[in-house]
C-alpha cells in the first residue's frame, strides 16, 4: 500500500467558477501540473476527488464531466504529470435529475470516493493527505484519518475568513500544499 495525495478539483486545480461544465469555463491553475508532478515524483498516488452536483441539477452530463477530466489529464501529461485515479460524485440531495437526486456515500465529506480509490489503487488512507479549498475537504480527510491542507484558492480564503476549518496546514495553492506535505518532518 502507498500513500496518496487526494486533490479536490474546482478551486484547487482549476478556477472556481460555479458549475464548470464546458471547456470554456474550465481554467486550470498554472501551478496544477507542478503540484501533481511533485506527488508523482515522490512516488505518491495523485488522485482527483470532486463533487459534481451540476449533473444532479441538470446543468451538465457525466459525459461533459469526463470531457473536462480528459482536458485536465492532457494538460497534466504535457507537463509530465498524471493522475492515478479520477473519482467524482454526480449526486446531490436537492438534485432534479432522476438517478442522481438524493443522498449517497460518495458525496464529500462522505468518504465513498476515497474508499473506492483505496480499494482500486491499493492506498493507505491513514498515510494520505487531502488538499482542497473547502471545510468539507478537511472533514473528508478527518473522516478517514488522513491529513488535510486547505488552500486559499477557490473558496479557501472565504472559508478561512468565516471560521477555522481545522486543517493540518493552510497553503496558498496546491503546489505549496504538496511541497509542505512532502517536506521531511522530525
C-alpha atoms as a PDB file:
ATOM      1  CA  UNK A   1       0.000   0.000   0.000  1.00  0.00           C
ATOM      2  CA  UNK A   2       1.160   3.504  -0.727  1.00  0.00           C
ATOM      3  CA  UNK A   3       0.069   6.958   0.357  1.00  0.00           C
ATOM      4  CA  UNK A   4      -1.922   9.291  -1.844  1.00  0.00           C
ATOM      5  CA  UNK A   5      -2.479  12.968  -2.235  1.00  0.00           C
ATOM      6  CA  UNK A   6      -6.171  13.470  -2.950  1.00  0.00           C
ATOM      7  CA  UNK A   7      -6.794  16.677  -4.879  1.00  0.00           C
ATOM      8  CA  UNK A   8     -10.108  18.475  -4.952  1.00  0.00           C
ATOM      9  CA  UNK A   9     -10.781  19.863  -8.437  1.00  0.00           C
ATOM     10  CA  UNK A  10     -12.708  23.153  -8.568  1.00  0.00           C
ATOM     11  CA  UNK A  11     -10.899  25.850  -6.636  1.00  0.00           C
ATOM     12  CA  UNK A  12      -7.854  23.626  -6.104  1.00  0.00           C
ATOM     13  CA  UNK A  13      -6.568  22.500  -9.528  1.00  0.00           C
ATOM     14  CA  UNK A  14      -8.742  24.823 -11.601  1.00  0.00           C
ATOM     15  CA  UNK A  15     -10.516  28.120 -11.060  1.00  0.00           C
ATOM     16  CA  UNK A  16     -13.787  28.004  -9.137  1.00  0.00           C
ATOM     17  CA  UNK A  17     -16.438  29.399 -11.476  1.00  0.00           C
ATOM     18  CA  UNK A  18     -19.513  27.683 -10.080  1.00  0.00           C
ATOM     19  CA  UNK A  19     -20.624  24.614 -12.026  1.00  0.00           C
ATOM     20  CA  UNK A  20     -17.942  24.469 -14.721  1.00  0.00           C
ATOM     21  CA  UNK A  21     -19.429  22.226 -17.376  1.00  0.00           C
ATOM     22  CA  UNK A  22     -17.787  23.356 -20.603  1.00  0.00           C
ATOM     23  CA  UNK A  23     -14.178  23.716 -21.745  1.00  0.00           C
ATOM     24  CA  UNK A  24     -14.709  27.486 -21.996  1.00  0.00           C
ATOM     25  CA  UNK A  25     -15.455  27.584 -18.249  1.00  0.00           C
ATOM     26  CA  UNK A  26     -12.593  25.283 -17.275  1.00  0.00           C
ATOM     27  CA  UNK A  27      -9.405  27.205 -16.469  1.00  0.00           C
ATOM     28  CA  UNK A  28      -6.611  25.103 -14.976  1.00  0.00           C
ATOM     29  CA  UNK A  29      -4.358  26.893 -12.499  1.00  0.00           C
ATOM     30  CA  UNK A  30      -0.759  27.399 -13.716  1.00  0.00           C
ATOM     31  CA  UNK A  31       0.573  25.557 -10.640  1.00  0.00           C
ATOM     32  CA  UNK A  32      -1.689  22.480 -11.018  1.00  0.00           C
ATOM     33  CA  UNK A  33       0.653  20.391 -13.173  1.00  0.00           C
ATOM     34  CA  UNK A  34       3.658  21.076 -10.945  1.00  0.00           C
ATOM     35  CA  UNK A  35       1.632  20.057  -7.875  1.00  0.00           C
ATOM     36  CA  UNK A  36       0.575  16.749  -9.406  1.00  0.00           C
ATOM     37  CA  UNK A  37       4.043  16.118 -10.869  1.00  0.00           C
ATOM     38  CA  UNK A  38       5.601  16.644  -7.423  1.00  0.00           C
ATOM     39  CA  UNK A  39       3.354  13.941  -5.986  1.00  0.00           C
ATOM     40  CA  UNK A  40       4.232  11.640  -8.912  1.00  0.00           C
ATOM     41  CA  UNK A  41       7.965  12.172  -8.482  1.00  0.00           C
ATOM     42  CA  UNK A  42       7.747  11.421  -4.767  1.00  0.00           C
ATOM     43  CA  UNK A  43       6.082   8.066  -5.518  1.00  0.00           C
ATOM     44  CA  UNK A  44       2.722   9.065  -4.061  1.00  0.00           C
ATOM     45  CA  UNK A  45      -0.527   8.361  -5.859  1.00  0.00           C
ATOM     46  CA  UNK A  46      -2.146  11.546  -7.176  1.00  0.00           C
ATOM     47  CA  UNK A  47      -5.924  11.167  -7.116  1.00  0.00           C
ATOM     48  CA  UNK A  48      -8.701  13.577  -8.056  1.00  0.00           C
ATOM     49  CA  UNK A  49     -11.853  13.542  -5.898  1.00  0.00           C
ATOM     50  CA  UNK A  50     -14.565  16.039  -6.775  1.00  0.00           C
ATOM     51  CA  UNK A  51     -18.250  16.671  -6.141  1.00  0.00           C
ATOM     52  CA  UNK A  52     -20.033  17.485  -9.393  1.00  0.00           C
ATOM     53  CA  UNK A  53     -23.567  18.366  -8.309  1.00  0.00           C
ATOM     54  CA  UNK A  54     -24.183  20.016 -11.679  1.00  0.00           C
ATOM     55  CA  UNK A  55     -25.007  16.555 -13.011  1.00  0.00           C
ATOM     56  CA  UNK A  56     -27.762  16.052 -10.409  1.00  0.00           C
ATOM     57  CA  UNK A  57     -29.002  19.587 -11.039  1.00  0.00           C
ATOM     58  CA  UNK A  58     -29.228  19.010 -14.812  1.00  0.00           C
ATOM     59  CA  UNK A  59     -26.605  21.619 -15.661  1.00  0.00           C
ATOM     60  CA  UNK A  60     -24.290  19.191 -17.457  1.00  0.00           C
ATOM     61  CA  UNK A  61     -23.906  15.457 -18.045  1.00  0.00           C
ATOM     62  CA  UNK A  62     -21.459  12.850 -16.782  1.00  0.00           C
ATOM     63  CA  UNK A  63     -20.003  12.831 -20.316  1.00  0.00           C
ATOM     64  CA  UNK A  64     -19.302  16.560 -20.067  1.00  0.00           C
ATOM     65  CA  UNK A  65     -17.572  15.996 -16.710  1.00  0.00           C
ATOM     66  CA  UNK A  66     -15.499  13.249 -18.364  1.00  0.00           C
ATOM     67  CA  UNK A  67     -14.591  15.675 -21.179  1.00  0.00           C
ATOM     68  CA  UNK A  68     -13.219  18.180 -18.644  1.00  0.00           C
ATOM     69  CA  UNK A  69     -11.260  15.417 -16.944  1.00  0.00           C
ATOM     70  CA  UNK A  70      -9.743  14.476 -20.309  1.00  0.00           C
ATOM     71  CA  UNK A  71      -8.725  18.106 -20.795  1.00  0.00           C
ATOM     72  CA  UNK A  72      -7.153  18.138 -17.326  1.00  0.00           C
ATOM     73  CA  UNK A  73      -5.350  14.834 -17.955  1.00  0.00           C
ATOM     74  CA  UNK A  74      -3.988  16.089 -21.295  1.00  0.00           C
ATOM     75  CA  UNK A  75      -2.812  19.319 -19.680  1.00  0.00           C
ATOM     76  CA  UNK A  76      -1.028  17.333 -16.977  1.00  0.00           C
ATOM     77  CA  UNK A  77       0.502  14.906 -19.488  1.00  0.00           C
ATOM     78  CA  UNK A  78       2.038  17.807 -21.429  1.00  0.00           C
ATOM     79  CA  UNK A  79       3.835  18.726 -18.190  1.00  0.00           C
ATOM     80  CA  UNK A  80       4.901  15.137 -17.411  1.00  0.00           C
ATOM     81  CA  UNK A  81       2.302  14.756 -14.660  1.00  0.00           C
ATOM     82  CA  UNK A  82      -0.530  12.289 -14.251  1.00  0.00           C
ATOM     83  CA  UNK A  83      -3.459  11.466 -12.037  1.00  0.00           C
ATOM     84  CA  UNK A  84      -3.511   7.842 -10.881  1.00  0.00           C
ATOM     85  CA  UNK A  85      -7.267   7.980 -10.456  1.00  0.00           C
ATOM     86  CA  UNK A  86     -10.200  10.302 -11.095  1.00  0.00           C
ATOM     87  CA  UNK A  87     -13.337   9.981  -8.985  1.00  0.00           C
ATOM     88  CA  UNK A  88     -16.368  12.233  -8.987  1.00  0.00           C
ATOM     89  CA  UNK A  89     -19.733  12.296  -7.289  1.00  0.00           C
ATOM     90  CA  UNK A  90     -22.607  13.296  -9.606  1.00  0.00           C
ATOM     91  CA  UNK A  91     -25.237  13.225  -6.822  1.00  0.00           C
ATOM     92  CA  UNK A  92     -26.910  15.911  -4.737  1.00  0.00           C
ATOM     93  CA  UNK A  93     -29.714  15.714  -2.164  1.00  0.00           C
ATOM     94  CA  UNK A  94     -31.559  18.581  -3.900  1.00  0.00           C
ATOM     95  CA  UNK A  95     -30.875  17.324  -7.402  1.00  0.00           C
ATOM     96  CA  UNK A  96     -33.602  17.302 -10.040  1.00  0.00           C
ATOM     97  CA  UNK A  97     -32.314  14.545 -12.346  1.00  0.00           C
ATOM     98  CA  UNK A  98     -33.697  11.084 -11.648  1.00  0.00           C
ATOM     99  CA  UNK A  99     -30.963   8.677 -10.620  1.00  0.00           C
ATOM    100  CA  UNK A 100     -28.722  11.472  -9.324  1.00  0.00           C
ATOM    101  CA  UNK A 101     -31.008  13.185  -6.817  1.00  0.00           C
ATOM    102  CA  UNK A 102     -30.617  12.037  -3.247  1.00  0.00           C
ATOM    103  CA  UNK A 103     -28.148  11.037  -0.575  1.00  0.00           C
ATOM    104  CA  UNK A 104     -25.113   8.899  -1.420  1.00  0.00           C
ATOM    105  CA  UNK A 105     -21.910   7.676   0.150  1.00  0.00           C
ATOM    106  CA  UNK A 106     -19.612   9.306  -2.425  1.00  0.00           C
ATOM    107  CA  UNK A 107     -20.527  12.964  -1.929  1.00  0.00           C
ATOM    108  CA  UNK A 108     -17.853  14.753   0.075  1.00  0.00           C
ATOM    109  CA  UNK A 109     -17.491  14.999   3.027  1.00  0.00           C
ATOM    110  CA  UNK A 110     -18.545  11.338   2.996  1.00  0.00           C
ATOM    111  CA  UNK A 111     -15.626   9.073   2.156  1.00  0.00           C
ATOM    112  CA  UNK A 112     -17.017   6.815  -0.583  1.00  0.00           C
ATOM    113  CA  UNK A 113     -14.652   8.122  -3.267  1.00  0.00           C
ATOM    114  CA  UNK A 114     -11.615   7.704  -1.014  1.00  0.00           C
ATOM    115  CA  UNK A 115     -12.599   4.176  -0.028  1.00  0.00           C
ATOM    116  CA  UNK A 116     -13.130   3.249  -3.691  1.00  0.00           C
ATOM    117  CA  UNK A 117      -9.739   4.713  -4.628  1.00  0.00           C
ATOM    118  CA  UNK A 118      -8.067   2.873  -1.729  1.00  0.00           C
ATOM    119  CA  UNK A 119      -9.505  -0.451  -2.924  1.00  0.00           C
ATOM    120  CA  UNK A 120      -8.745   0.090  -6.601  1.00  0.00           C
ATOM    121  CA  UNK A 121      -5.308   1.688  -6.217  1.00  0.00           C
ATOM    122  CA  UNK A 122      -4.096  -0.096  -3.057  1.00  0.00           C
ATOM    123  CA  UNK A 123      -3.786   3.085  -0.996  1.00  0.00           C
ATOM    124  CA  UNK A 124      -3.115   3.667   2.681  1.00  0.00           C
ATOM    125  CA  UNK A 125      -5.671   6.310   3.653  1.00  0.00           C
ATOM    126  CA  UNK A 126      -4.122   6.983   7.073  1.00  0.00           C
ATOM    127  CA  UNK A 127      -0.803   7.865   5.404  1.00  0.00           C
ATOM    128  CA  UNK A 128      -2.558  10.061   2.807  1.00  0.00           C
ATOM    129  CA  UNK A 129      -3.492  13.721   2.529  1.00  0.00           C
ATOM    130  CA  UNK A 130      -6.448  15.661   1.121  1.00  0.00           C
ATOM    131  CA  UNK A 131      -5.894  19.070  -0.487  1.00  0.00           C
ATOM    132  CA  UNK A 132      -8.933  21.245  -1.049  1.00  0.00           C
ATOM    133  CA  UNK A 133     -10.448  24.687  -0.773  1.00  0.00           C
ATOM    134  CA  UNK A 134     -13.443  23.850   1.450  1.00  0.00           C
ATOM    135  CA  UNK A 135     -14.028  22.812   5.038  1.00  0.00           C
ATOM    136  CA  UNK A 136     -15.742  19.698   3.656  1.00  0.00           C
ATOM    137  CA  UNK A 137     -12.367  18.594   2.246  1.00  0.00           C
ATOM    138  CA  UNK A 138     -10.895  18.911   5.738  1.00  0.00           C
ATOM    139  CA  UNK A 139     -13.833  16.939   7.152  1.00  0.00           C
ATOM    140  CA  UNK A 140     -13.343  14.271   4.467  1.00  0.00           C
ATOM    141  CA  UNK A 141      -9.702  13.842   5.476  1.00  0.00           C
ATOM    142  CA  UNK A 142     -10.565  13.698   9.159  1.00  0.00           C
ATOM    143  CA  UNK A 143     -13.161  11.000   8.496  1.00  0.00           C
ATOM    144  CA  UNK A 144     -10.576   8.550   7.142  1.00  0.00           C
ATOM    145  CA  UNK A 145      -7.657   9.517   9.363  1.00  0.00           C
ATOM    146  CA  UNK A 146      -5.807  11.367   6.588  1.00  0.00           C
ATOM    147  CA  UNK A 147      -4.071  14.732   6.838  1.00  0.00           C
ATOM    148  CA  UNK A 148      -5.612  17.867   5.370  1.00  0.00           C
ATOM    149  CA  UNK A 149      -4.354  21.030   3.714  1.00  0.00           C
ATOM    150  CA  UNK A 150      -6.741  23.877   2.964  1.00  0.00           C
ATOM    151  CA  UNK A 151      -5.671  26.074   0.050  1.00  0.00           C
ATOM    152  CA  UNK A 152      -6.514  29.774  -0.176  1.00  0.00           C
ATOM    153  CA  UNK A 153      -7.522  29.460  -3.832  1.00  0.00           C
ATOM    154  CA  UNK A 154     -11.174  28.927  -4.775  1.00  0.00           C
ATOM    155  CA  UNK A 155     -13.354  29.218  -1.678  1.00  0.00           C
ATOM    156  CA  UNK A 156     -10.373  28.784   0.646  1.00  0.00           C
ATOM    157  CA  UNK A 157      -9.911  32.437   1.582  1.00  0.00           C
ATOM    158  CA  UNK A 158     -13.636  32.800   2.288  1.00  0.00           C
ATOM    159  CA  UNK A 159     -13.688  29.608   4.346  1.00  0.00           C
ATOM    160  CA  UNK A 160     -10.783  30.882   6.445  1.00  0.00           C
ATOM    161  CA  UNK A 161     -12.455  34.266   6.976  1.00  0.00           C
ATOM    162  CA  UNK A 162     -15.631  32.696   8.364  1.00  0.00           C
ATOM    163  CA  UNK A 163     -14.184  30.004  10.646  1.00  0.00           C
ATOM    164  CA  UNK A 164     -11.138  27.880  11.336  1.00  0.00           C
ATOM    165  CA  UNK A 165     -11.782  24.659   9.408  1.00  0.00           C
ATOM    166  CA  UNK A 166      -9.216  22.791  11.498  1.00  0.00           C
ATOM    167  CA  UNK A 167      -6.896  21.834   8.647  1.00  0.00           C
ATOM    168  CA  UNK A 168      -3.458  20.466   9.467  1.00  0.00           C
ATOM    169  CA  UNK A 169      -1.960  23.194   7.285  1.00  0.00           C
ATOM    170  CA  UNK A 170      -3.016  26.233   5.250  1.00  0.00           C
ATOM    171  CA  UNK A 171      -1.298  26.846   1.896  1.00  0.00           C
ATOM    172  CA  UNK A 172      -1.579  29.499  -0.779  1.00  0.00           C
ATOM    173  CA  UNK A 173      -2.175  26.906  -3.520  1.00  0.00           C
ATOM    174  CA  UNK A 174      -1.955  23.193  -4.343  1.00  0.00           C
ATOM    175  CA  UNK A 175       1.736  23.315  -5.249  1.00  0.00           C
ATOM    176  CA  UNK A 176       2.668  24.879  -1.921  1.00  0.00           C
ATOM    177  CA  UNK A 177       0.448  22.282  -0.223  1.00  0.00           C
ATOM    178  CA  UNK A 178       2.200  19.337  -1.899  1.00  0.00           C
ATOM    179  CA  UNK A 179       5.621  20.763  -1.123  1.00  0.00           C
ATOM    180  CA  UNK A 180       4.637  21.087   2.542  1.00  0.00           C
ATOM    181  CA  UNK A 181       3.266  17.525   2.655  1.00  0.00           C
ATOM    182  CA  UNK A 182       6.447  16.107   1.129  1.00  0.00           C
ATOM    183  CA  UNK A 183       8.970  18.006   3.235  1.00  0.00           C
ATOM    184  CA  UNK A 184      10.668  15.872   5.874  1.00  0.00           C
ATOM    185  CA  UNK A 185       9.477  16.269   9.449  1.00  0.00           C
ATOM    186  CA  UNK A 186      11.284  15.332  12.640  1.00  0.00           C
END
